[in-house]
Amino acid sequence: MKTTEIPRKNKIVLRSGKLYNMIESDVIIPSNERVTIQGLVTGDVDVESHAILELNGMVLGMIRVGEGGKAIINGMVMKSVEEYDGDVKISGRVIGDVIQHKGNVVYDKTAIVGKRITK
């Protein structure tokens, strides 16, 4: 998946900063932005090229990390985390699967995940 292929229709675009409240929608973190989520996202989160997500809160959907993107998961993801030539570090909990395509996934000793799948 190329990051330019992520559809933006009906999604909220988050710019650099911290989110402390709840968003009841899917979210996109656009290229070259850094976002920390301390609150709750009820939908999916797409991390585009060279964007950085630090999750200290909760995502009820899934997280997709695009080419060159980075996700640091200290909180909880209820569905899966899927990496497409990006970097993912997991210290928190992923209820679903962690799917690794071409990038890097690092599991801290505190990480709790479903299945680890490499494609």
N, C-alpha and C. Protein backbone atom coordinates (compact mmCIF):
# COMPACT_ATOMS: atom_id res chain seq x y z
N MET A 1 0.84 -1.18 0.00
CA MET A 1 0.00 0.00 0.00
C MET A 1 0.88 1.24 0.00
N LYS A 2 0.68 2.09 -0.95
CA LYS A 2 1.37 3.38 -0.97
C LYS A 2 0.53 4.33 -0.13
N THR A 3 1.19 5.25 0.54
CA THR A 3 0.47 6.15 1.42
C THR A 3 -0.48 7.05 0.65
N THR A 4 -0.21 7.30 -0.62
CA THR A 4 -1.10 8.14 -1.41
C THR A 4 -2.42 7.43 -1.74
N GLU A 5 -2.48 6.11 -1.50
CA GLU A 5 -3.68 5.36 -1.79
C GLU A 5 -4.70 5.38 -0.66
N ILE A 6 -4.34 5.93 0.49
CA ILE A 6 -5.27 5.97 1.61
C ILE A 6 -6.37 6.98 1.31
N PRO A 7 -7.62 6.51 1.19
CA PRO A 7 -8.70 7.45 0.91
C PRO A 7 -8.97 8.35 2.11
N ARG A 8 -9.24 9.62 1.85
CA ARG A 8 -9.46 10.58 2.93
C ARG A 8 -10.93 10.90 3.16
N LYS A 9 -11.81 10.37 2.34
CA LYS A 9 -13.23 10.70 2.47
C LYS A 9 -13.76 10.25 3.83
N ASN A 10 -14.48 11.12 4.49
CA ASN A 10 -15.12 10.86 5.78
C ASN A 10 -14.13 10.51 6.89
N LYS A 11 -12.91 11.03 6.80
CA LYS A 11 -11.92 10.81 7.83
C LYS A 11 -11.45 12.16 8.35
N ILE A 12 -11.08 12.20 9.61
CA ILE A 12 -10.55 13.42 10.21
C ILE A 12 -9.04 13.42 10.06
N VAL A 13 -8.49 14.53 9.59
CA VAL A 13 -7.04 14.67 9.42
C VAL A 13 -6.50 15.38 10.66
N LEU A 14 -5.57 14.71 11.37
CA LEU A 14 -4.96 15.30 12.56
C LEU A 14 -3.60 15.89 12.21
N ARG A 15 -3.36 17.10 12.66
CA ARG A 15 -2.06 17.74 12.48
C ARG A 15 -1.24 17.57 13.75
N SER A 16 0.01 17.97 13.71
CA SER A 16 0.92 17.78 14.84
C SER A 16 0.33 18.31 16.14
N GLY A 17 0.53 17.54 17.21
CA GLY A 17 0.05 17.92 18.53
C GLY A 17 -0.44 16.72 19.30
N LYS A 18 -1.17 17.00 20.39
CA LYS A 18 -1.69 15.95 21.26
C LYS A 18 -3.21 15.96 21.24
N LEU A 19 -3.78 14.78 21.22
CA LEU A 19 -5.24 14.61 21.28
C LEU A 19 -5.57 14.01 22.64
N TYR A 20 -6.36 14.74 23.43
CA TYR A 20 -6.72 14.27 24.77
C TYR A 20 -8.17 13.81 24.87
N ASN A 21 -8.97 14.11 23.89
CA ASN A 21 -10.39 13.78 23.98
C ASN A 21 -10.75 12.62 23.06
N MET A 22 -12.03 12.48 22.73
CA MET A 22 -12.51 11.37 21.93
C MET A 22 -12.86 11.85 20.52
N ILE A 23 -12.49 11.03 19.53
CA ILE A 23 -12.88 11.27 18.15
C ILE A 23 -13.68 10.07 17.70
N GLU A 24 -14.91 10.31 17.29
CA GLU A 24 -15.78 9.23 16.83
C GLU A 24 -15.76 9.17 15.31
N SER A 25 -14.60 8.79 14.77
CA SER A 25 -14.40 8.76 13.33
C SER A 25 -13.09 8.05 13.03
N ASP A 26 -12.86 7.75 11.75
CA ASP A 26 -11.55 7.32 11.30
C ASP A 26 -10.65 8.54 11.25
N VAL A 27 -9.34 8.32 11.40
CA VAL A 27 -8.38 9.42 11.48
C VAL A 27 -7.22 9.17 10.54
N ILE A 28 -6.71 10.24 9.95
CA ILE A 28 -5.48 10.19 9.15
C ILE A 28 -4.46 11.12 9.79
N ILE A 29 -3.24 10.62 9.90
CA ILE A 29 -2.12 11.48 10.30
C ILE A 29 -1.30 11.68 9.03
N PRO A 30 -1.35 12.89 8.46
CA PRO A 30 -0.72 13.12 7.16
C PRO A 30 0.81 13.14 7.23
N SER A 31 1.41 13.07 6.07
CA SER A 31 2.87 13.05 5.94
C SER A 31 3.53 14.17 6.72
N ASN A 32 4.65 13.83 7.35
CA ASN A 32 5.51 14.78 8.07
C ASN A 32 4.86 15.41 9.29
N GLU A 33 3.83 14.79 9.85
CA GLU A 33 3.20 15.28 11.07
C GLU A 33 3.50 14.31 12.21
N ARG A 34 3.50 14.82 13.43
CA ARG A 34 3.69 13.99 14.63
C ARG A 34 2.51 14.23 15.56
N VAL A 35 1.80 13.15 15.89
CA VAL A 35 0.60 13.25 16.72
C VAL A 35 0.70 12.27 17.88
N THR A 36 0.35 12.74 19.06
CA THR A 36 0.24 11.88 20.24
C THR A 36 -1.23 11.77 20.60
N ILE A 37 -1.73 10.54 20.70
CA ILE A 37 -3.13 10.32 21.09
C ILE A 37 -3.14 9.85 22.53
N GLN A 38 -3.68 10.70 23.40
CA GLN A 38 -3.84 10.38 24.81
C GLN A 38 -5.28 9.93 25.09
N GLY A 39 -6.19 10.24 24.16
CA GLY A 39 -7.60 9.97 24.34
C GLY A 39 -8.04 8.71 23.62
N LEU A 40 -9.22 8.79 22.99
CA LEU A 40 -9.87 7.64 22.36
C LEU A 40 -10.24 7.96 20.92
N VAL A 41 -9.92 7.05 20.00
CA VAL A 41 -10.37 7.12 18.62
C VAL A 41 -11.24 5.90 18.38
N THR A 42 -12.49 6.11 17.97
CA THR A 42 -13.40 4.98 17.80
C THR A 42 -13.23 4.27 16.46
N GLY A 43 -12.58 4.91 15.50
CA GLY A 43 -12.39 4.31 14.18
C GLY A 43 -10.96 3.84 13.98
N ASP A 44 -10.56 3.76 12.71
CA ASP A 44 -9.21 3.36 12.33
C ASP A 44 -8.28 4.57 12.29
N VAL A 45 -6.99 4.32 12.39
CA VAL A 45 -5.99 5.38 12.27
C VAL A 45 -5.01 5.00 11.17
N ASP A 46 -4.84 5.89 10.18
CA ASP A 46 -3.89 5.70 9.09
C ASP A 46 -2.73 6.66 9.29
N VAL A 47 -1.52 6.11 9.37
CA VAL A 47 -0.31 6.91 9.53
C VAL A 47 0.38 6.96 8.17
N GLU A 48 0.40 8.13 7.55
CA GLU A 48 0.95 8.27 6.21
C GLU A 48 2.48 8.36 6.23
N SER A 49 3.05 8.50 5.04
CA SER A 49 4.48 8.55 4.83
C SER A 49 5.16 9.59 5.73
N HIS A 50 6.17 9.15 6.46
CA HIS A 50 7.01 10.00 7.31
C HIS A 50 6.23 10.72 8.41
N ALA A 51 5.06 10.21 8.74
CA ALA A 51 4.30 10.72 9.89
C ALA A 51 4.61 9.84 11.10
N ILE A 52 4.39 10.39 12.29
CA ILE A 52 4.67 9.65 13.52
C ILE A 52 3.44 9.69 14.42
N LEU A 53 3.02 8.51 14.87
CA LEU A 53 1.93 8.38 15.83
C LEU A 53 2.50 7.83 17.13
N GLU A 54 2.21 8.50 18.23
CA GLU A 54 2.50 7.93 19.54
C GLU A 54 1.15 7.72 20.21
N LEU A 55 0.81 6.47 20.47
CA LEU A 55 -0.48 6.12 21.07
C LEU A 55 -0.28 5.79 22.54
N ASN A 56 -0.83 6.65 23.40
CA ASN A 56 -0.84 6.41 24.83
C ASN A 56 -2.27 6.14 25.30
N GLY A 57 -3.23 6.35 24.42
CA GLY A 57 -4.64 6.14 24.72
C GLY A 57 -5.13 4.84 24.10
N MET A 58 -6.32 4.92 23.44
CA MET A 58 -6.93 3.71 22.88
C MET A 58 -7.49 3.98 21.49
N VAL A 59 -7.33 2.99 20.61
CA VAL A 59 -7.93 3.01 19.27
C VAL A 59 -8.84 1.78 19.19
N LEU A 60 -10.13 2.01 18.94
CA LEU A 60 -11.07 0.89 18.86
C LEU A 60 -10.99 0.17 17.52
N GLY A 61 -10.49 0.84 16.50
CA GLY A 61 -10.32 0.24 15.17
C GLY A 61 -8.92 -0.33 15.02
N MET A 62 -8.40 -0.24 13.80
CA MET A 62 -7.06 -0.73 13.52
C MET A 62 -6.13 0.43 13.21
N ILE A 63 -4.83 0.17 13.24
CA ILE A 63 -3.82 1.15 12.86
C ILE A 63 -3.09 0.61 11.64
N ARG A 64 -3.00 1.45 10.59
CA ARG A 64 -2.23 1.12 9.39
C ARG A 64 -1.08 2.12 9.29
N VAL A 65 0.13 1.61 9.14
CA VAL A 65 1.31 2.46 9.06
C VAL A 65 1.87 2.37 7.65
N GLY A 66 1.83 3.50 6.94
CA GLY A 66 2.27 3.55 5.55
C GLY A 66 3.78 3.61 5.42
N GLU A 67 4.24 3.59 4.19
CA GLU A 67 5.67 3.60 3.85
C GLU A 67 6.37 4.78 4.51
N GLY A 68 7.39 4.48 5.31
CA GLY A 68 8.15 5.53 5.98
C GLY A 68 7.50 6.09 7.22
N GLY A 69 6.29 5.64 7.56
CA GLY A 69 5.60 6.10 8.76
C GLY A 69 6.10 5.37 9.99
N LYS A 70 5.71 5.88 11.16
CA LYS A 70 6.16 5.27 12.41
C LYS A 70 5.02 5.31 13.42
N ALA A 71 4.83 4.20 14.15
CA ALA A 71 3.84 4.15 15.22
C ALA A 71 4.51 3.60 16.47
N ILE A 72 4.31 4.31 17.58
CA ILE A 72 4.80 3.88 18.89
C ILE A 72 3.56 3.60 19.72
N ILE A 73 3.32 2.34 20.03
CA ILE A 73 2.07 1.94 20.68
C ILE A 73 2.35 1.61 22.14
N ASN A 74 2.00 2.56 23.01
CA ASN A 74 2.11 2.37 24.45
C ASN A 74 0.74 2.08 25.05
N GLY A 75 -0.31 2.39 24.31
CA GLY A 75 -1.68 2.20 24.78
C GLY A 75 -2.27 0.90 24.27
N MET A 76 -3.55 0.97 23.84
CA MET A 76 -4.26 -0.24 23.42
C MET A 76 -4.92 -0.05 22.05
N VAL A 77 -4.81 -1.10 21.23
CA VAL A 77 -5.47 -1.15 19.93
C VAL A 77 -6.40 -2.37 19.96
N MET A 78 -7.69 -2.14 19.74
CA MET A 78 -8.66 -3.23 19.86
C MET A 78 -8.64 -4.18 18.66
N LYS A 79 -8.32 -3.66 17.48
CA LYS A 79 -8.24 -4.52 16.28
C LYS A 79 -6.77 -4.73 15.95
N SER A 80 -6.42 -4.78 14.67
CA SER A 80 -5.05 -5.11 14.28
C SER A 80 -4.19 -3.89 14.03
N VAL A 81 -2.89 -4.14 13.95
CA VAL A 81 -1.91 -3.15 13.52
C VAL A 81 -1.27 -3.73 12.27
N GLU A 82 -1.28 -2.95 11.18
CA GLU A 82 -0.72 -3.42 9.92
C GLU A 82 0.32 -2.42 9.44
N GLU A 83 1.50 -2.93 9.15
CA GLU A 83 2.64 -2.10 8.77
C GLU A 83 2.99 -2.36 7.31
N TYR A 84 3.08 -1.28 6.52
CA TYR A 84 3.42 -1.35 5.09
C TYR A 84 4.72 -0.59 4.86
N ASP A 85 5.85 -1.22 5.13
CA ASP A 85 7.17 -0.60 4.94
C ASP A 85 7.37 0.60 5.86
N GLY A 86 6.85 0.50 7.06
CA GLY A 86 7.03 1.53 8.08
C GLY A 86 7.70 0.92 9.30
N ASP A 87 7.68 1.64 10.40
CA ASP A 87 8.27 1.17 11.66
C ASP A 87 7.21 1.19 12.75
N VAL A 88 7.14 0.10 13.51
CA VAL A 88 6.18 0.00 14.61
C VAL A 88 6.92 -0.50 15.84
N LYS A 89 6.70 0.16 16.96
CA LYS A 89 7.22 -0.30 18.24
C LYS A 89 6.03 -0.51 19.17
N ILE A 90 5.92 -1.70 19.74
CA ILE A 90 4.77 -2.01 20.59
C ILE A 90 5.25 -2.28 22.01
N SER A 91 4.76 -1.46 22.94
CA SER A 91 5.00 -1.66 24.36
C SER A 91 3.68 -1.92 25.07
N GLY A 92 2.59 -1.59 24.39
CA GLY A 92 1.25 -1.72 24.96
C GLY A 92 0.57 -3.01 24.55
N ARG A 93 -0.73 -2.89 24.25
CA ARG A 93 -1.54 -4.08 23.96
C ARG A 93 -2.24 -3.94 22.61
N VAL A 94 -2.16 -5.00 21.80
CA VAL A 94 -2.89 -5.09 20.53
C VAL A 94 -3.75 -6.34 20.63
N ILE A 95 -5.06 -6.16 20.69
CA ILE A 95 -5.98 -7.30 20.84
C ILE A 95 -5.98 -8.15 19.57
N GLY A 96 -5.93 -7.51 18.42
CA GLY A 96 -5.92 -8.22 17.15
C GLY A 96 -4.52 -8.66 16.76
N ASP A 97 -4.33 -8.86 15.47
CA ASP A 97 -3.05 -9.31 14.93
C ASP A 97 -2.13 -8.15 14.64
N VAL A 98 -0.84 -8.43 14.63
CA VAL A 98 0.17 -7.48 14.17
C VAL A 98 0.70 -8.04 12.86
N ILE A 99 0.44 -7.33 11.76
CA ILE A 99 0.77 -7.82 10.43
C ILE A 99 1.94 -7.00 9.89
N GLN A 100 3.04 -7.68 9.63
CA GLN A 100 4.26 -7.04 9.16
C GLN A 100 4.47 -7.36 7.69
N HIS A 101 4.58 -6.31 6.86
CA HIS A 101 4.82 -6.50 5.43
C HIS A 101 6.30 -6.38 5.12
N LYS A 102 6.82 -5.16 4.95
CA LYS A 102 8.23 -4.99 4.56
C LYS A 102 9.04 -4.20 5.58
N GLY A 103 8.40 -3.58 6.53
CA GLY A 103 9.10 -2.71 7.47
C GLY A 103 9.55 -3.43 8.73
N ASN A 104 9.66 -2.67 9.80
CA ASN A 104 10.16 -3.19 11.07
C ASN A 104 9.08 -3.15 12.14
N VAL A 105 8.98 -4.23 12.90
CA VAL A 105 8.11 -4.26 14.07
C VAL A 105 8.95 -4.73 15.24
N VAL A 106 8.96 -3.93 16.31
CA VAL A 106 9.72 -4.24 17.51
C VAL A 106 8.74 -4.44 18.65
N TYR A 107 8.90 -5.54 19.37
CA TYR A 107 8.04 -5.86 20.51
C TYR A 107 8.83 -5.66 21.80
N ASP A 108 8.37 -4.76 22.64
CA ASP A 108 8.97 -4.57 23.94
C ASP A 108 8.57 -5.75 24.83
N LYS A 109 9.29 -5.98 25.91
CA LYS A 109 8.96 -7.10 26.80
C LYS A 109 7.60 -6.93 27.46
N THR A 110 7.06 -5.71 27.48
CA THR A 110 5.74 -5.47 28.08
C THR A 110 4.60 -5.62 27.07
N ALA A 111 4.92 -5.86 25.79
CA ALA A 111 3.90 -5.94 24.73
C ALA A 111 3.02 -7.18 24.90
N ILE A 112 1.72 -6.97 24.69
CA ILE A 112 0.75 -8.08 24.66
C ILE A 112 0.02 -7.98 23.33
N VAL A 113 0.15 -9.00 22.49
CA VAL A 113 -0.46 -8.96 21.16
C VAL A 113 -1.16 -10.28 20.84
N GLY A 114 -2.05 -10.21 19.82
CA GLY A 114 -2.68 -11.41 19.31
C GLY A 114 -1.63 -12.18 18.51
N LYS A 115 -1.91 -12.49 17.27
CA LYS A 115 -0.95 -13.20 16.42
C LYS A 115 0.06 -12.22 15.82
N ARG A 116 1.26 -12.74 15.59
CA ARG A 116 2.29 -11.98 14.87
C ARG A 116 2.39 -12.60 13.48
N ILE A 117 2.05 -11.82 12.45
CA ILE A 117 1.99 -12.33 11.08
C ILE A 117 3.00 -11.57 10.23
N THR A 118 3.85 -12.30 9.51
CA THR A 118 4.79 -11.69 8.58
C THR A 118 4.40 -12.09 7.18
N LYS A 119 4.27 -11.10 6.28
CA LYS A 119 3.89 -11.37 4.89
C LYS A 119 5.01 -11.05 3.95
